[in-house]
Amino acid sequence: MTRPLTNMGEKPMAWSWRFEDVAGEQVTVEDPVSELFPSRGDAESWLGENWRALSDAGVAQVTLLDGEDARYTMKLDDA
């Protein structure tokens, strides 16, 4: 699978989610499994479809990563 290049054309971009507990510590869940996404929109759409299952699995918040760079953190709750 070919990933899009950044504006500089130097490194491939890969968007992903880091799952965290209430303290912000990384947690691992078996299902649903996050994947690498070619765009921010694809990653956000996936989260929109899976946030309840993540919350049910004990994930309190997620951080969107662009490669290794954190873009934002969002709590998973019904509020």
PDB file of N, CA and C in Angstrom:
ATOM      1  N   MET A   1       0.831  -1.178   0.000  1.00  0.00           N
ATOM      2  CA  MET A   1       0.000   0.000   0.000  1.00  0.00           C
ATOM      3  C   MET A   1       0.876   1.241   0.000  1.00  0.00           C
ATOM      4  N   THR A   2       0.639   2.139  -0.883  1.00  0.00           N
ATOM      5  CA  THR A   2       1.399   3.375  -0.962  1.00  0.00           C
ATOM      6  C   THR A   2       0.733   4.428  -0.102  1.00  0.00           C
ATOM      7  N   ARG A   3       1.514   5.109   0.716  1.00  0.00           N
ATOM      8  CA  ARG A   3       0.981   6.158   1.571  1.00  0.00           C
ATOM      9  C   ARG A   3       1.319   7.518   0.963  1.00  0.00           C
ATOM     10  N   PRO A   4       0.421   8.491   1.137  1.00  0.00           N
ATOM     11  CA  PRO A   4       0.693   9.823   0.593  1.00  0.00           C
ATOM     12  C   PRO A   4       1.908  10.453   1.255  1.00  0.00           C
ATOM     13  N   LEU A   5       2.582  11.311   0.529  1.00  0.00           N
ATOM     14  CA  LEU A   5       3.752  12.002   1.054  1.00  0.00           C
ATOM     15  C   LEU A   5       3.342  13.340   1.650  1.00  0.00           C
ATOM     16  N   THR A   6       4.163  13.851   2.542  1.00  0.00           N
ATOM     17  CA  THR A   6       3.921  15.163   3.110  1.00  0.00           C
ATOM     18  C   THR A   6       4.152  16.205   2.027  1.00  0.00           C
ATOM     19  N   ASN A   7       3.863  17.464   2.349  1.00  0.00           N
ATOM     20  CA  ASN A   7       4.091  18.547   1.395  1.00  0.00           C
ATOM     21  C   ASN A   7       5.543  18.622   0.958  1.00  0.00           C
ATOM     22  N   MET A   8       6.438  18.277   1.863  1.00  0.00           N
ATOM     23  CA  MET A   8       7.865  18.320   1.546  1.00  0.00           C
ATOM     24  C   MET A   8       8.270  17.117   0.692  1.00  0.00           C
ATOM     25  N   GLY A   9       7.411  16.094   0.620  1.00  0.00           N
ATOM     26  CA  GLY A   9       7.728  14.914  -0.158  1.00  0.00           C
ATOM     27  C   GLY A   9       8.787  14.037   0.479  1.00  0.00           C
ATOM     28  N   GLU A  10       9.005  14.191   1.780  1.00  0.00           N
ATOM     29  CA  GLU A  10      10.096  13.480   2.428  1.00  0.00           C
ATOM     30  C   GLU A  10       9.689  12.213   3.166  1.00  0.00           C
ATOM     31  N   LYS A  11       8.591  12.256   3.934  1.00  0.00           N
ATOM     32  CA  LYS A  11       8.239  11.086   4.723  1.00  0.00           C
ATOM     33  C   LYS A  11       6.784  10.716   4.475  1.00  0.00           C
ATOM     34  N   PRO A  12       6.466   9.435   4.471  1.00  0.00           N
ATOM     35  CA  PRO A  12       5.066   9.039   4.326  1.00  0.00           C
ATOM     36  C   PRO A  12       4.292   9.383   5.594  1.00  0.00           C
ATOM     37  N   MET A  13       3.056   9.791   5.418  1.00  0.00           N
ATOM     38  CA  MET A  13       2.208  10.108   6.559  1.00  0.00           C
ATOM     39  C   MET A  13       1.376   8.887   6.917  1.00  0.00           C
ATOM     40  N   ALA A  14       1.270   8.627   8.183  1.00  0.00           N
ATOM     41  CA  ALA A  14       0.418   7.543   8.658  1.00  0.00           C
ATOM     42  C   ALA A  14      -0.295   8.032   9.912  1.00  0.00           C
ATOM     43  N   TRP A  15      -1.589   8.071   9.867  1.00  0.00           N
ATOM     44  CA  TRP A  15      -2.402   8.504  10.994  1.00  0.00           C
ATOM     45  C   TRP A  15      -2.834   7.281  11.789  1.00  0.00           C
ATOM     46  N   SER A  16      -2.843   7.397  13.113  1.00  0.00           N
ATOM     47  CA  SER A  16      -3.263   6.284  13.961  1.00  0.00           C
ATOM     48  C   SER A  16      -3.787   6.837  15.280  1.00  0.00           C
ATOM     49  N   TRP A  17      -4.391   5.948  16.062  1.00  0.00           N
ATOM     50  CA  TRP A  17      -4.915   6.306  17.371  1.00  0.00           C
ATOM     51  C   TRP A  17      -4.112   5.608  18.465  1.00  0.00           C
ATOM     52  N   ARG A  18      -3.821   6.335  19.531  1.00  0.00           N
ATOM     53  CA  ARG A  18      -3.244   5.744  20.735  1.00  0.00           C
ATOM     54  C   ARG A  18      -4.374   5.689  21.761  1.00  0.00           C
ATOM     55  N   PHE A  19      -4.622   4.520  22.330  1.00  0.00           N
ATOM     56  CA  PHE A  19      -5.673   4.326  23.309  1.00  0.00           C
ATOM     57  C   PHE A  19      -5.098   4.567  24.702  1.00  0.00           C
ATOM     58  N   GLU A  20      -5.846   5.284  25.557  1.00  0.00           N
ATOM     59  CA  GLU A  20      -5.332   5.659  26.874  1.00  0.00           C
ATOM     60  C   GLU A  20      -6.380   5.475  27.959  1.00  0.00           C
ATOM     61  N   ASP A  21      -5.889   5.303  29.206  1.00  0.00           N
ATOM     62  CA  ASP A  21      -6.787   5.252  30.366  1.00  0.00           C
ATOM     63  C   ASP A  21      -7.020   6.676  30.872  1.00  0.00           C
ATOM     64  N   VAL A  22      -7.729   6.825  31.987  1.00  0.00           N
ATOM     65  CA  VAL A  22      -8.052   8.161  32.499  1.00  0.00           C
ATOM     66  C   VAL A  22      -6.815   8.959  32.904  1.00  0.00           C
ATOM     67  N   ALA A  23      -5.726   8.265  33.223  1.00  0.00           N
ATOM     68  CA  ALA A  23      -4.483   8.939  33.605  1.00  0.00           C
ATOM     69  C   ALA A  23      -3.624   9.307  32.394  1.00  0.00           C
ATOM     70  N   GLY A  24      -4.078   8.925  31.193  1.00  0.00           N
ATOM     71  CA  GLY A  24      -3.300   9.221  29.996  1.00  0.00           C
ATOM     72  C   GLY A  24      -2.256   8.181  29.666  1.00  0.00           C
ATOM     73  N   GLU A  25      -2.287   7.048  30.394  1.00  0.00           N
ATOM     74  CA  GLU A  25      -1.348   5.963  30.116  1.00  0.00           C
ATOM     75  C   GLU A  25      -1.884   5.107  28.974  1.00  0.00           C
ATOM     76  N   GLN A  26      -0.994   4.674  28.101  1.00  0.00           N
ATOM     77  CA  GLN A  26      -1.401   3.866  26.953  1.00  0.00           C
ATOM     78  C   GLN A  26      -1.939   2.513  27.406  1.00  0.00           C
ATOM     79  N   VAL A  27      -3.046   2.102  26.783  1.00  0.00           N
ATOM     80  CA  VAL A  27      -3.636   0.790  27.051  1.00  0.00           C
ATOM     81  C   VAL A  27      -3.790   0.046  25.730  1.00  0.00           C
ATOM     82  N   THR A  28      -3.847  -1.272  25.828  1.00  0.00           N
ATOM     83  CA  THR A  28      -4.012  -2.119  24.648  1.00  0.00           C
ATOM     84  C   THR A  28      -5.353  -2.826  24.744  1.00  0.00           C
ATOM     85  N   VAL A  29      -6.074  -2.849  23.647  1.00  0.00           N
ATOM     86  CA  VAL A  29      -7.326  -3.593  23.587  1.00  0.00           C
ATOM     87  C   VAL A  29      -7.247  -4.570  22.423  1.00  0.00           C
ATOM     88  N   GLU A  30      -7.958  -5.678  22.552  1.00  0.00           N
ATOM     89  CA  GLU A  30      -7.943  -6.688  21.492  1.00  0.00           C
ATOM     90  C   GLU A  30      -8.881  -6.338  20.351  1.00  0.00           C
ATOM     91  N   ASP A  31     -10.008  -5.689  20.682  1.00  0.00           N
ATOM     92  CA  ASP A  31     -10.982  -5.375  19.648  1.00  0.00           C
ATOM     93  C   ASP A  31     -11.728  -4.112  20.042  1.00  0.00           C
ATOM     94  N   PRO A  32     -11.902  -3.144  19.203  1.00  0.00           N
ATOM     95  CA  PRO A  32     -11.413  -3.121  17.822  1.00  0.00           C
ATOM     96  C   PRO A  32      -9.941  -2.740  17.755  1.00  0.00           C
ATOM     97  N   VAL A  33      -9.283  -3.239  16.754  1.00  0.00           N
ATOM     98  CA  VAL A  33      -7.865  -2.966  16.550  1.00  0.00           C
ATOM     99  C   VAL A  33      -7.728  -1.728  15.671  1.00  0.00           C
ATOM    100  N   SER A  34      -6.938  -0.767  16.130  1.00  0.00           N
ATOM    101  CA  SER A  34      -6.683   0.415  15.313  1.00  0.00           C
ATOM    102  C   SER A  34      -5.721   0.032  14.198  1.00  0.00           C
ATOM    103  N   GLU A  35      -5.739   0.789  13.165  1.00  0.00           N
ATOM    104  CA  GLU A  35      -4.859   0.544  12.031  1.00  0.00           C
ATOM    105  C   GLU A  35      -4.198   1.847  11.628  1.00  0.00           C
ATOM    106  N   LEU A  36      -3.345   1.791  10.637  1.00  0.00           N
ATOM    107  CA  LEU A  36      -2.767   3.003  10.081  1.00  0.00           C
ATOM    108  C   LEU A  36      -3.696   3.506   8.991  1.00  0.00           C
ATOM    109  N   PHE A  37      -3.923   4.796   8.989  1.00  0.00           N
ATOM    110  CA  PHE A  37      -4.842   5.396   8.030  1.00  0.00           C
ATOM    111  C   PHE A  37      -4.085   6.361   7.124  1.00  0.00           C
ATOM    112  N   PRO A  38      -4.476   6.457   5.843  1.00  0.00           N
ATOM    113  CA  PRO A  38      -3.786   7.340   4.920  1.00  0.00           C
ATOM    114  C   PRO A  38      -4.126   8.814   5.120  1.00  0.00           C
ATOM    115  N   SER A  39      -5.215   9.103   5.852  1.00  0.00           N
ATOM    116  CA  SER A  39      -5.592  10.503   6.056  1.00  0.00           C
ATOM    117  C   SER A  39      -6.199  10.692   7.441  1.00  0.00           C
ATOM    118  N   ARG A  40      -6.184  11.926   7.901  1.00  0.00           N
ATOM    119  CA  ARG A  40      -6.794  12.273   9.184  1.00  0.00           C
ATOM    120  C   ARG A  40      -8.291  11.968   9.148  1.00  0.00           C
ATOM    121  N   GLY A  41      -8.935  12.293   8.043  1.00  0.00           N
ATOM    122  CA  GLY A  41     -10.361  12.038   7.907  1.00  0.00           C
ATOM    123  C   GLY A  41     -10.714  10.571   8.026  1.00  0.00           C
ATOM    124  N   ASP A  42      -9.901   9.708   7.430  1.00  0.00           N
ATOM    125  CA  ASP A  42     -10.134   8.261   7.538  1.00  0.00           C
ATOM    126  C   ASP A  42     -10.011   7.803   8.990  1.00  0.00           C
ATOM    127  N   ALA A  43      -9.000   8.323   9.695  1.00  0.00           N
ATOM    128  CA  ALA A  43      -8.801   7.961  11.099  1.00  0.00           C
ATOM    129  C   ALA A  43      -9.984   8.434  11.941  1.00  0.00           C
ATOM    130  N   GLU A  44     -10.445   9.657  11.703  1.00  0.00           N
ATOM    131  CA  GLU A  44     -11.556  10.196  12.475  1.00  0.00           C
ATOM    132  C   GLU A  44     -12.865   9.459  12.167  1.00  0.00           C
ATOM    133  N   SER A  45     -13.069   9.060  10.922  1.00  0.00           N
ATOM    134  CA  SER A  45     -14.256   8.280  10.567  1.00  0.00           C
ATOM    135  C   SER A  45     -14.250   6.934  11.276  1.00  0.00           C
ATOM    136  N   TRP A  46     -13.076   6.282  11.312  1.00  0.00           N
ATOM    137  CA  TRP A  46     -12.954   5.002  12.000  1.00  0.00           C
ATOM    138  C   TRP A  46     -13.313   5.157  13.478  1.00  0.00           C
ATOM    139  N   LEU A  47     -12.819   6.225  14.102  1.00  0.00           N
ATOM    140  CA  LEU A  47     -13.116   6.452  15.515  1.00  0.00           C
ATOM    141  C   LEU A  47     -14.614   6.670  15.719  1.00  0.00           C
ATOM    142  N   GLY A  48     -15.240   7.399  14.813  1.00  0.00           N
ATOM    143  CA  GLY A  48     -16.672   7.633  14.907  1.00  0.00           C
ATOM    144  C   GLY A  48     -17.470   6.343  14.885  1.00  0.00           C
ATOM    145  N   GLU A  49     -16.977   5.353  14.187  1.00  0.00           N
ATOM    146  CA  GLU A  49     -17.650   4.055  14.104  1.00  0.00           C
ATOM    147  C   GLU A  49     -17.305   3.126  15.264  1.00  0.00           C
ATOM    148  N   ASN A  50     -16.194   3.382  15.964  1.00  0.00           N
ATOM    149  CA  ASN A  50     -15.695   2.426  16.957  1.00  0.00           C
ATOM    150  C   ASN A  50     -15.547   2.953  18.378  1.00  0.00           C
ATOM    151  N   TRP A  51     -15.880   4.219  18.632  1.00  0.00           N
ATOM    152  CA  TRP A  51     -15.600   4.793  19.949  1.00  0.00           C
ATOM    153  C   TRP A  51     -16.345   4.092  21.072  1.00  0.00           C
ATOM    154  N   ARG A  52     -17.568   3.648  20.828  1.00  0.00           N
ATOM    155  CA  ARG A  52     -18.322   2.982  21.905  1.00  0.00           C
ATOM    156  C   ARG A  52     -17.685   1.648  22.281  1.00  0.00           C
ATOM    157  N   ALA A  53     -17.251   0.884  21.287  1.00  0.00           N
ATOM    158  CA  ALA A  53     -16.590  -0.388  21.570  1.00  0.00           C
ATOM    159  C   ALA A  53     -15.288  -0.153  22.330  1.00  0.00           C
ATOM    160  N   LEU A  54     -14.567   0.905  21.988  1.00  0.00           N
ATOM    161  CA  LEU A  54     -13.337   1.242  22.707  1.00  0.00           C
ATOM    162  C   LEU A  54     -13.655   1.607  24.151  1.00  0.00           C
ATOM    163  N   SER A  55     -14.672   2.424  24.338  1.00  0.00           N
ATOM    164  CA  SER A  55     -15.076   2.818  25.686  1.00  0.00           C
ATOM    165  C   SER A  55     -15.488   1.594  26.497  1.00  0.00           C
ATOM    166  N   ASP A  56     -16.250   0.702  25.890  1.00  0.00           N
ATOM    167  CA  ASP A  56     -16.670  -0.530  26.572  1.00  0.00           C
ATOM    168  C   ASP A  56     -15.479  -1.414  26.927  1.00  0.00           C
ATOM    169  N   ALA A  57     -14.387  -1.307  26.161  1.00  0.00           N
ATOM    170  CA  ALA A  57     -13.181  -2.105  26.406  1.00  0.00           C
ATOM    171  C   ALA A  57     -12.259  -1.450  27.426  1.00  0.00           C
ATOM    172  N   GLY A  58     -12.672  -0.295  27.984  1.00  0.00           N
ATOM    173  CA  GLY A  58     -11.881   0.349  29.024  1.00  0.00           C
ATOM    174  C   GLY A  58     -11.026   1.513  28.580  1.00  0.00           C
ATOM    175  N   VAL A  59     -11.151   1.931  27.324  1.00  0.00           N
ATOM    176  CA  VAL A  59     -10.399   3.088  26.847  1.00  0.00           C
ATOM    177  C   VAL A  59     -11.140   4.342  27.283  1.00  0.00           C
ATOM    178  N   ALA A  60     -10.452   5.247  27.981  1.00  0.00           N
ATOM    179  CA  ALA A  60     -11.069   6.479  28.477  1.00  0.00           C
ATOM    180  C   ALA A  60     -10.874   7.649  27.522  1.00  0.00           C
ATOM    181  N   GLN A  61      -9.766   7.630  26.790  1.00  0.00           N
ATOM    182  CA  GLN A  61      -9.479   8.706  25.841  1.00  0.00           C
ATOM    183  C   GLN A  61      -8.562   8.185  24.749  1.00  0.00           C
ATOM    184  N   VAL A  62      -8.520   8.924  23.651  1.00  0.00           N
ATOM    185  CA  VAL A  62      -7.665   8.558  22.523  1.00  0.00           C
ATOM    186  C   VAL A  62      -6.858   9.777  22.090  1.00  0.00           C
ATOM    187  N   THR A  63      -5.689   9.517  21.547  1.00  0.00           N
ATOM    188  CA  THR A  63      -4.863  10.582  20.989  1.00  0.00           C
ATOM    189  C   THR A  63      -4.612  10.265  19.532  1.00  0.00           C
ATOM    190  N   LEU A  64      -4.884  11.250  18.676  1.00  0.00           N
ATOM    191  CA  LEU A  64      -4.632  11.092  17.250  1.00  0.00           C
ATOM    192  C   LEU A  64      -3.158  11.380  16.978  1.00  0.00           C
ATOM    193  N   LEU A  65      -2.504  10.437  16.310  1.00  0.00           N
ATOM    194  CA  LEU A  65      -1.080  10.577  15.980  1.00  0.00           C
ATOM    195  C   LEU A  65      -0.902  10.735  14.482  1.00  0.00           C
ATOM    196  N   ASP A  66      -0.058  11.660  14.102  1.00  0.00           N
ATOM    197  CA  ASP A  66       0.389  11.845  12.725  1.00  0.00           C
ATOM    198  C   ASP A  66       1.828  11.369  12.717  1.00  0.00           C
ATOM    199  N   GLY A  67       2.022  10.111  12.329  1.00  0.00           N
ATOM    200  CA  GLY A  67       3.336   9.493  12.524  1.00  0.00           C
ATOM    201  C   GLY A  67       3.528   9.309  14.015  1.00  0.00           C
ATOM    202  N   GLU A  68       4.514   9.961  14.582  1.00  0.00           N
ATOM    203  CA  GLU A  68       4.743   9.904  16.031  1.00  0.00           C
ATOM    204  C   GLU A  68       4.304  11.184  16.729  1.00  0.00           C
ATOM    205  N   ASP A  69       3.805  12.162  15.973  1.00  0.00           N
ATOM    206  CA  ASP A  69       3.414  13.458  16.524  1.00  0.00           C
ATOM    207  C   ASP A  69       1.955  13.438  16.972  1.00  0.00           C
ATOM    208  N   ALA A  70       1.701  13.752  18.242  1.00  0.00           N
ATOM    209  CA  ALA A  70       0.338  13.832  18.765  1.00  0.00           C
ATOM    210  C   ALA A  70      -0.326  15.093  18.229  1.00  0.00           C
ATOM    211  N   ARG A  71      -1.540  14.950  17.691  1.00  0.00           N
ATOM    212  CA  ARG A  71      -2.291  16.090  17.165  1.00  0.00           C
ATOM    213  C   ARG A  71      -3.343  16.578  18.148  1.00  0.00           C
ATOM    214  N   TYR A  72      -4.093  15.666  18.759  1.00  0.00           N
ATOM    215  CA  TYR A  72      -5.040  16.043  19.805  1.00  0.00           C
ATOM    216  C   TYR A  72      -5.480  14.817  20.578  1.00  0.00           C
ATOM    217  N   THR A  73      -6.008  15.067  21.782  1.00  0.00           N
ATOM    218  CA  THR A  73      -6.536  14.018  22.651  1.00  0.00           C
ATOM    219  C   THR A  73      -8.014  14.280  22.856  1.00  0.00           C
ATOM    220  N   MET A  74      -8.811  13.197  22.857  1.00  0.00           N
ATOM    221  CA  MET A  74     -10.244  13.331  23.029  1.00  0.00           C
ATOM    222  C   MET A  74     -10.742  12.264  24.005  1.00  0.00           C
ATOM    223  N   LYS A  75     -11.582  12.686  24.947  1.00  0.00           N
ATOM    224  CA  LYS A  75     -12.189  11.743  25.894  1.00  0.00           C
ATOM    225  C   LYS A  75     -13.318  10.996  25.195  1.00  0.00           C
ATOM    226  N   LEU A  76     -13.484   9.743  25.589  1.00  0.00           N
ATOM    227  CA  LEU A  76     -14.574   8.918  25.045  1.00  0.00           C
ATOM    228  C   LEU A  76     -15.668   8.816  26.100  1.00  0.00           C
ATOM    229  N   ASP A  77     -16.665   9.664  25.980  1.00  0.00           N
ATOM    230  CA  ASP A  77     -17.819   9.592  26.868  1.00  0.00           C
ATOM    231  C   ASP A  77     -19.038  10.054  26.101  1.00  0.00           C
ATOM    232  N   ASP A  78     -20.177   9.880  26.693  1.00  0.00           N
ATOM    233  CA  ASP A  78     -21.426  10.245  26.029  1.00  0.00           C
ATOM    234  C   ASP A  78     -21.762  11.724  26.140  1.00  0.00           C
ATOM    235  N   ALA A  79     -21.017  12.456  26.952  1.00  0.00           N
ATOM    236  CA  ALA A  79     -21.334  13.870  27.169  1.00  0.00           C
ATOM    237  C   ALA A  79     -21.088  14.723  25.941  1.00  0.00           C
TER     238      ALA A  79
END
